[in-house]
């Protein structure tokens, strides 16, 4: 993935949130249906949002 190469060795930050149980259950279903881990799906969603709002700055 392009981002992994650009950011290799860069400092990483932690992002967290609290979800209601039904929201988390639905998120888990999405992850399982796509065969992705929770972290992989969250990274994908954050990158997509940044790309959409900032035009792919990275």
C-alpha atoms as a PDB file:
ATOM      1  CA  UNK A   1       0.000   0.000   0.000  1.00  0.00           C
ATOM      2  CA  UNK A   2       1.316   3.443  -0.862  1.00  0.00           C
ATOM      3  CA  UNK A   3       0.680   4.897   2.598  1.00  0.00           C
ATOM      4  CA  UNK A   4       2.646   2.148   4.332  1.00  0.00           C
ATOM      5  CA  UNK A   5       5.713   2.947   2.244  1.00  0.00           C
ATOM      6  CA  UNK A   6       5.439   6.714   2.753  1.00  0.00           C
ATOM      7  CA  UNK A   7       4.912   6.440   6.496  1.00  0.00           C
ATOM      8  CA  UNK A   8       7.359   3.620   7.158  1.00  0.00           C
ATOM      9  CA  UNK A   9       9.214   4.380  10.372  1.00  0.00           C
ATOM     10  CA  UNK A  10       7.176   7.512  11.060  1.00  0.00           C
ATOM     11  CA  UNK A  11       5.731   8.224  14.473  1.00  0.00           C
ATOM     12  CA  UNK A  12       2.297   6.725  14.989  1.00  0.00           C
ATOM     13  CA  UNK A  13      -0.574   8.137  17.001  1.00  0.00           C
ATOM     14  CA  UNK A  14      -3.417   6.287  18.680  1.00  0.00           C
ATOM     15  CA  UNK A  15      -7.034   7.131  17.891  1.00  0.00           C
ATOM     16  CA  UNK A  16      -9.864   5.769  19.990  1.00  0.00           C
ATOM     17  CA  UNK A  17     -13.578   6.214  20.489  1.00  0.00           C
ATOM     18  CA  UNK A  18     -16.452   4.720  22.409  1.00  0.00           C
ATOM     19  CA  UNK A  19     -19.241   3.039  20.500  1.00  0.00           C
ATOM     20  CA  UNK A  20     -22.596   1.830  21.646  1.00  0.00           C
ATOM     21  CA  UNK A  21     -22.904  -1.953  21.659  1.00  0.00           C
ATOM     22  CA  UNK A  22     -25.163  -2.100  18.526  1.00  0.00           C
ATOM     23  CA  UNK A  23     -22.774   0.167  16.583  1.00  0.00           C
ATOM     24  CA  UNK A  24     -19.820  -2.010  17.533  1.00  0.00           C
ATOM     25  CA  UNK A  25     -21.700  -5.183  16.620  1.00  0.00           C
ATOM     26  CA  UNK A  26     -22.492  -3.758  13.179  1.00  0.00           C
ATOM     27  CA  UNK A  27     -18.880  -2.650  12.737  1.00  0.00           C
ATOM     28  CA  UNK A  28     -17.656  -6.161  13.595  1.00  0.00           C
ATOM     29  CA  UNK A  29     -20.067  -7.592  11.002  1.00  0.00           C
ATOM     30  CA  UNK A  30     -18.631  -5.249   8.362  1.00  0.00           C
ATOM     31  CA  UNK A  31     -15.057  -6.247   9.275  1.00  0.00           C
ATOM     32  CA  UNK A  32     -15.881  -9.949   9.139  1.00  0.00           C
ATOM     33  CA  UNK A  33     -17.737  -9.654   5.833  1.00  0.00           C
ATOM     34  CA  UNK A  34     -14.698  -7.930   4.284  1.00  0.00           C
ATOM     35  CA  UNK A  35     -12.201 -10.278   5.932  1.00  0.00           C
ATOM     36  CA  UNK A  36     -10.383  -7.409   7.651  1.00  0.00           C
ATOM     37  CA  UNK A  37      -9.238  -6.898  11.201  1.00  0.00           C
ATOM     38  CA  UNK A  38     -10.759  -4.100  13.250  1.00  0.00           C
ATOM     39  CA  UNK A  39      -7.531  -2.095  13.031  1.00  0.00           C
ATOM     40  CA  UNK A  40      -7.180  -2.588   9.280  1.00  0.00           C
ATOM     41  CA  UNK A  41     -10.770  -1.464   8.680  1.00  0.00           C
ATOM     42  CA  UNK A  42     -10.372   1.580  10.940  1.00  0.00           C
ATOM     43  CA  UNK A  43      -7.159   2.612   9.147  1.00  0.00           C
ATOM     44  CA  UNK A  44      -8.918   2.195   5.801  1.00  0.00           C
ATOM     45  CA  UNK A  45     -11.878   4.302   6.926  1.00  0.00           C
ATOM     46  CA  UNK A  46      -9.654   7.078   8.303  1.00  0.00           C
ATOM     47  CA  UNK A  47      -7.541   7.156   5.130  1.00  0.00           C
ATOM     48  CA  UNK A  48     -10.659   7.287   2.948  1.00  0.00           C
ATOM     49  CA  UNK A  49     -12.104  10.147   4.981  1.00  0.00           C
ATOM     50  CA  UNK A  50      -8.853  12.101   4.869  1.00  0.00           C
ATOM     51  CA  UNK A  51      -8.557  11.515   1.124  1.00  0.00           C
ATOM     52  CA  UNK A  52     -12.136  12.627   0.567  1.00  0.00           C
ATOM     53  CA  UNK A  53     -11.834  15.807   2.632  1.00  0.00           C
ATOM     54  CA  UNK A  54      -8.234  16.769   1.958  1.00  0.00           C
ATOM     55  CA  UNK A  55      -7.725  15.461  -1.561  1.00  0.00           C
ATOM     56  CA  UNK A  56      -5.206  12.793  -0.666  1.00  0.00           C
ATOM     57  CA  UNK A  57      -2.573  14.989   0.981  1.00  0.00           C
ATOM     58  CA  UNK A  58      -0.435  11.943   1.790  1.00  0.00           C
END
